[in-house]
Amino acid sequence: TPSEIYKAWGLGATMVKVFPATTLGPGYIREVLGPLSHISLVPTGGINLENFTTYLAAGAKAVGIGSHLFPKSILASEDWDKLREIYALYTGQYKTYLDTKQ
């Protein structure tokens, strides 16, 4: 909740994790940052290639990506080339996002 976010910041957190991000959505991040723009938010939970830049555009300072960045099936099969491909997709998406901000 915004109260918990504010309390965490008041206790010294430099960034506050917001979970579950996909349930709350990028609009939640944008709305919370209205009155709390001095707090850095890090949405986690369900962040993936298709939505991570939407959270950044909403004002998140970072995002937490877990299982979408490290798919269990790829790790189990040790398909490092596929893992590189995934990382390249994220990097490309982020670069495109940065280009649109300029």
N, C-alpha and C. Protein backbone atom coordinates (compact mmCIF):
# COMPACT_ATOMS: atom_id res chain seq x y z
N THR A 1 0.85 -1.18 0.00
CA THR A 1 0.00 0.00 0.00
C THR A 1 0.89 1.24 0.00
N PRO A 2 0.36 2.39 -0.39
CA PRO A 2 1.16 3.61 -0.32
C PRO A 2 1.67 3.89 1.10
N SER A 3 0.88 3.56 2.11
CA SER A 3 1.34 3.77 3.49
C SER A 3 2.56 2.91 3.81
N GLU A 4 2.54 1.67 3.36
CA GLU A 4 3.68 0.78 3.60
C GLU A 4 4.91 1.24 2.81
N ILE A 5 4.68 1.71 1.60
CA ILE A 5 5.78 2.23 0.78
C ILE A 5 6.42 3.41 1.50
N TYR A 6 5.59 4.32 1.97
CA TYR A 6 6.10 5.51 2.66
C TYR A 6 6.83 5.12 3.94
N LYS A 7 6.29 4.15 4.67
CA LYS A 7 6.93 3.71 5.91
C LYS A 7 8.30 3.09 5.62
N ALA A 8 8.38 2.24 4.59
CA ALA A 8 9.66 1.62 4.23
C ALA A 8 10.68 2.69 3.87
N TRP A 9 10.26 3.68 3.11
CA TRP A 9 11.16 4.78 2.75
C TRP A 9 11.59 5.54 4.00
N GLY A 10 10.64 5.80 4.88
CA GLY A 10 10.94 6.51 6.12
C GLY A 10 11.91 5.77 7.03
N LEU A 11 11.91 4.44 6.92
CA LEU A 11 12.83 3.63 7.72
C LEU A 11 14.20 3.48 7.06
N GLY A 12 14.37 4.11 5.90
CA GLY A 12 15.69 4.13 5.27
C GLY A 12 15.84 3.39 3.96
N ALA A 13 14.77 2.79 3.46
CA ALA A 13 14.88 2.09 2.18
C ALA A 13 15.19 3.09 1.07
N THR A 14 16.16 2.77 0.24
CA THR A 14 16.46 3.66 -0.88
C THR A 14 15.61 3.31 -2.10
N MET A 15 15.12 2.08 -2.14
CA MET A 15 14.18 1.62 -3.17
C MET A 15 13.18 0.71 -2.48
N VAL A 16 11.94 0.73 -2.95
CA VAL A 16 10.90 -0.08 -2.32
C VAL A 16 10.31 -1.03 -3.36
N LYS A 17 10.33 -2.32 -3.02
CA LYS A 17 9.77 -3.36 -3.88
C LYS A 17 8.25 -3.30 -3.82
N VAL A 18 7.63 -3.37 -5.00
CA VAL A 18 6.17 -3.39 -5.10
C VAL A 18 5.78 -4.72 -5.73
N PHE A 19 5.08 -5.55 -4.95
CA PHE A 19 4.72 -6.91 -5.38
C PHE A 19 3.28 -7.19 -5.00
N PRO A 20 2.52 -7.83 -5.83
CA PRO A 20 2.79 -8.33 -7.17
C PRO A 20 2.46 -7.28 -8.23
N ALA A 21 3.43 -6.98 -9.04
CA ALA A 21 3.30 -5.89 -10.00
C ALA A 21 2.18 -6.11 -11.01
N THR A 22 2.07 -7.32 -11.54
CA THR A 22 1.06 -7.51 -12.60
C THR A 22 -0.36 -7.41 -12.06
N THR A 23 -0.56 -7.72 -10.81
CA THR A 23 -1.89 -7.56 -10.22
C THR A 23 -2.21 -6.08 -10.05
N LEU A 24 -1.21 -5.30 -9.66
CA LEU A 24 -1.41 -3.88 -9.42
C LEU A 24 -1.34 -3.07 -10.71
N GLY A 25 -0.46 -3.43 -11.61
CA GLY A 25 -0.34 -2.78 -12.90
C GLY A 25 0.50 -1.52 -12.90
N PRO A 26 0.93 -1.09 -14.09
CA PRO A 26 1.74 0.12 -14.21
C PRO A 26 0.98 1.37 -13.75
N GLY A 27 -0.32 1.37 -13.89
CA GLY A 27 -1.12 2.52 -13.44
C GLY A 27 -0.98 2.74 -11.95
N TYR A 28 -0.85 1.66 -11.19
CA TYR A 28 -0.67 1.77 -9.75
C TYR A 28 0.65 2.48 -9.44
N ILE A 29 1.70 2.09 -10.15
CA ILE A 29 3.00 2.74 -9.96
C ILE A 29 2.88 4.23 -10.25
N ARG A 30 2.27 4.56 -11.35
CA ARG A 30 2.10 5.97 -11.74
C ARG A 30 1.31 6.74 -10.69
N GLU A 31 0.23 6.16 -10.20
CA GLU A 31 -0.62 6.83 -9.22
C GLU A 31 0.09 7.01 -7.87
N VAL A 32 0.80 6.00 -7.43
CA VAL A 32 1.51 6.10 -6.15
C VAL A 32 2.61 7.16 -6.24
N LEU A 33 3.25 7.23 -7.38
CA LEU A 33 4.33 8.21 -7.54
C LEU A 33 3.82 9.65 -7.63
N GLY A 34 2.53 9.82 -7.81
CA GLY A 34 1.98 11.17 -7.80
C GLY A 34 2.39 11.91 -6.53
N PRO A 35 1.95 11.44 -5.38
CA PRO A 35 2.33 12.11 -4.14
C PRO A 35 3.66 11.63 -3.56
N LEU A 36 4.19 10.51 -4.05
CA LEU A 36 5.41 9.94 -3.48
C LEU A 36 6.54 9.88 -4.51
N SER A 37 6.64 10.91 -5.33
CA SER A 37 7.61 10.89 -6.44
C SER A 37 9.06 10.83 -5.97
N HIS A 38 9.31 11.12 -4.73
CA HIS A 38 10.67 11.09 -4.20
C HIS A 38 11.11 9.68 -3.80
N ILE A 39 10.22 8.71 -3.92
CA ILE A 39 10.53 7.33 -3.54
C ILE A 39 10.75 6.50 -4.81
N SER A 40 11.82 5.74 -4.84
CA SER A 40 12.12 4.87 -5.97
C SER A 40 11.40 3.54 -5.80
N LEU A 41 10.55 3.21 -6.76
CA LEU A 41 9.79 1.96 -6.70
C LEU A 41 10.36 0.93 -7.65
N VAL A 42 10.32 -0.34 -7.21
CA VAL A 42 10.82 -1.47 -8.00
C VAL A 42 9.72 -2.53 -8.08
N PRO A 43 8.91 -2.50 -9.13
CA PRO A 43 7.88 -3.53 -9.27
C PRO A 43 8.50 -4.90 -9.57
N THR A 44 7.94 -5.93 -8.96
CA THR A 44 8.37 -7.31 -9.18
C THR A 44 7.14 -8.20 -9.25
N GLY A 45 7.31 -9.38 -9.81
CA GLY A 45 6.22 -10.34 -9.88
C GLY A 45 5.48 -10.23 -11.20
N GLY A 46 5.85 -11.08 -12.14
CA GLY A 46 5.18 -11.08 -13.43
C GLY A 46 5.79 -10.12 -14.44
N ILE A 47 6.89 -9.52 -14.10
CA ILE A 47 7.55 -8.62 -15.04
C ILE A 47 8.21 -9.48 -16.12
N ASN A 48 7.99 -9.09 -17.38
CA ASN A 48 8.52 -9.88 -18.49
C ASN A 48 8.91 -8.98 -19.66
N LEU A 49 9.31 -9.59 -20.76
CA LEU A 49 9.77 -8.85 -21.93
C LEU A 49 8.69 -7.92 -22.48
N GLU A 50 7.46 -8.34 -22.42
CA GLU A 50 6.37 -7.57 -23.00
C GLU A 50 5.95 -6.37 -22.14
N ASN A 51 6.23 -6.40 -20.84
CA ASN A 51 5.70 -5.33 -20.00
C ASN A 51 6.73 -4.52 -19.20
N PHE A 52 7.98 -4.92 -19.19
CA PHE A 52 8.92 -4.24 -18.28
C PHE A 52 9.11 -2.76 -18.60
N THR A 53 9.11 -2.40 -19.87
CA THR A 53 9.29 -0.98 -20.20
C THR A 53 8.05 -0.16 -19.86
N THR A 54 6.91 -0.80 -19.80
CA THR A 54 5.68 -0.10 -19.40
C THR A 54 5.79 0.37 -17.95
N TYR A 55 6.37 -0.46 -17.10
CA TYR A 55 6.58 -0.09 -15.70
C TYR A 55 7.62 1.02 -15.57
N LEU A 56 8.66 0.95 -16.40
CA LEU A 56 9.66 2.02 -16.38
C LEU A 56 9.04 3.33 -16.85
N ALA A 57 8.22 3.26 -17.88
CA ALA A 57 7.54 4.46 -18.38
C ALA A 57 6.58 5.04 -17.34
N ALA A 58 6.05 4.18 -16.48
CA ALA A 58 5.13 4.63 -15.43
C ALA A 58 5.88 5.30 -14.27
N GLY A 59 7.22 5.22 -14.28
CA GLY A 59 8.00 5.88 -13.25
C GLY A 59 8.84 4.99 -12.36
N ALA A 60 8.74 3.67 -12.55
CA ALA A 60 9.58 2.76 -11.75
C ALA A 60 11.05 3.06 -12.04
N LYS A 61 11.87 3.00 -11.02
CA LYS A 61 13.31 3.24 -11.19
C LYS A 61 14.05 1.99 -11.62
N ALA A 62 13.45 0.83 -11.40
CA ALA A 62 14.02 -0.45 -11.79
C ALA A 62 12.87 -1.45 -11.80
N VAL A 63 13.13 -2.63 -12.32
CA VAL A 63 12.15 -3.71 -12.27
C VAL A 63 12.85 -4.98 -11.82
N GLY A 64 12.12 -5.86 -11.18
CA GLY A 64 12.66 -7.15 -10.79
C GLY A 64 12.12 -8.22 -11.72
N ILE A 65 13.01 -8.86 -12.45
CA ILE A 65 12.61 -9.91 -13.38
C ILE A 65 13.25 -11.20 -12.91
N GLY A 66 12.45 -12.21 -12.68
CA GLY A 66 12.96 -13.48 -12.19
C GLY A 66 12.81 -14.60 -13.19
N SER A 67 11.72 -15.33 -13.09
CA SER A 67 11.55 -16.55 -13.89
C SER A 67 11.50 -16.27 -15.39
N HIS A 68 11.11 -15.08 -15.79
CA HIS A 68 11.08 -14.77 -17.22
C HIS A 68 12.49 -14.52 -17.77
N LEU A 69 13.39 -14.13 -16.90
CA LEU A 69 14.76 -13.88 -17.31
C LEU A 69 15.61 -15.15 -17.20
N PHE A 70 15.19 -16.05 -16.34
CA PHE A 70 15.91 -17.32 -16.12
C PHE A 70 14.93 -18.49 -16.23
N PRO A 71 14.41 -18.78 -17.43
CA PRO A 71 13.44 -19.87 -17.58
C PRO A 71 14.02 -21.21 -17.13
N LYS A 72 13.28 -21.90 -16.28
CA LYS A 72 13.76 -23.17 -15.73
C LYS A 72 14.10 -24.18 -16.83
N SER A 73 13.27 -24.25 -17.87
CA SER A 73 13.51 -25.23 -18.92
C SER A 73 14.83 -24.97 -19.65
N ILE A 74 15.16 -23.71 -19.84
CA ILE A 74 16.42 -23.37 -20.50
C ILE A 74 17.60 -23.66 -19.59
N LEU A 75 17.46 -23.35 -18.32
CA LEU A 75 18.54 -23.65 -17.38
C LEU A 75 18.74 -25.16 -17.26
N ALA A 76 17.64 -25.90 -17.19
CA ALA A 76 17.74 -27.36 -17.05
C ALA A 76 18.42 -27.99 -18.26
N SER A 77 18.13 -27.46 -19.45
CA SER A 77 18.72 -28.02 -20.66
C SER A 77 20.09 -27.42 -20.97
N GLU A 78 20.48 -26.45 -20.15
CA GLU A 78 21.76 -25.77 -20.33
C GLU A 78 21.91 -25.21 -21.74
N ASP A 79 20.82 -24.64 -22.24
CA ASP A 79 20.82 -24.04 -23.57
C ASP A 79 21.26 -22.59 -23.45
N TRP A 80 22.57 -22.39 -23.34
CA TRP A 80 23.12 -21.07 -23.09
C TRP A 80 22.94 -20.12 -24.27
N ASP A 81 22.89 -20.68 -25.47
CA ASP A 81 22.64 -19.84 -26.64
C ASP A 81 21.24 -19.24 -26.57
N LYS A 82 20.27 -20.05 -26.17
CA LYS A 82 18.90 -19.56 -26.02
C LYS A 82 18.82 -18.49 -24.93
N LEU A 83 19.56 -18.70 -23.85
CA LEU A 83 19.58 -17.72 -22.77
C LEU A 83 20.17 -16.40 -23.27
N ARG A 84 21.22 -16.47 -24.07
CA ARG A 84 21.80 -15.26 -24.67
C ARG A 84 20.77 -14.55 -25.55
N GLU A 85 19.99 -15.33 -26.29
CA GLU A 85 18.95 -14.75 -27.15
C GLU A 85 17.93 -13.99 -26.32
N ILE A 86 17.53 -14.57 -25.21
CA ILE A 86 16.57 -13.92 -24.32
C ILE A 86 17.14 -12.61 -23.80
N TYR A 87 18.39 -12.64 -23.36
CA TYR A 87 19.02 -11.44 -22.84
C TYR A 87 19.14 -10.38 -23.93
N ALA A 88 19.44 -10.80 -25.15
CA ALA A 88 19.52 -9.85 -26.26
C ALA A 88 18.17 -9.20 -26.53
N LEU A 89 17.10 -9.97 -26.39
CA LEU A 89 15.76 -9.41 -26.58
C LEU A 89 15.47 -8.34 -25.53
N TYR A 90 15.81 -8.63 -24.28
CA TYR A 90 15.61 -7.64 -23.20
C TYR A 90 16.45 -6.39 -23.45
N THR A 91 17.70 -6.60 -23.84
CA THR A 91 18.58 -5.46 -24.10
C THR A 91 18.05 -4.62 -25.25
N GLY A 92 17.62 -5.28 -26.31
CA GLY A 92 17.06 -4.56 -27.46
C GLY A 92 15.81 -3.78 -27.09
N GLN A 93 14.94 -4.40 -26.32
CA GLN A 93 13.71 -3.74 -25.88
C GLN A 93 14.03 -2.52 -25.02
N TYR A 94 15.02 -2.65 -24.15
CA TYR A 94 15.40 -1.54 -23.28
C TYR A 94 16.01 -0.40 -24.11
N LYS A 95 16.85 -0.73 -25.08
CA LYS A 95 17.43 0.30 -25.94
C LYS A 95 16.34 1.03 -26.72
N THR A 96 15.38 0.30 -27.23
CA THR A 96 14.26 0.92 -27.94
C THR A 96 13.49 1.85 -27.01
N TYR A 97 13.26 1.41 -25.79
CA TYR A 97 12.59 2.25 -24.79
C TYR A 97 13.37 3.54 -24.56
N LEU A 98 14.68 3.42 -24.38
CA LEU A 98 15.51 4.61 -24.15
C LEU A 98 15.47 5.56 -25.34
N ASP A 99 15.47 5.02 -26.55
CA ASP A 99 15.41 5.85 -27.75
C ASP A 99 14.11 6.65 -27.82
N THR A 100 13.02 6.08 -27.32
CA THR A 100 11.74 6.78 -27.36
C THR A 100 11.67 7.90 -26.33
N LYS A 101 12.54 7.84 -25.34
CA LYS A 101 12.55 8.88 -24.28
C LYS A 101 13.33 10.12 -24.71
N GLN A 102 14.10 10.01 -25.77
CA GLN A 102 14.94 11.14 -26.19
C GLN A 102 14.22 12.07 -27.11
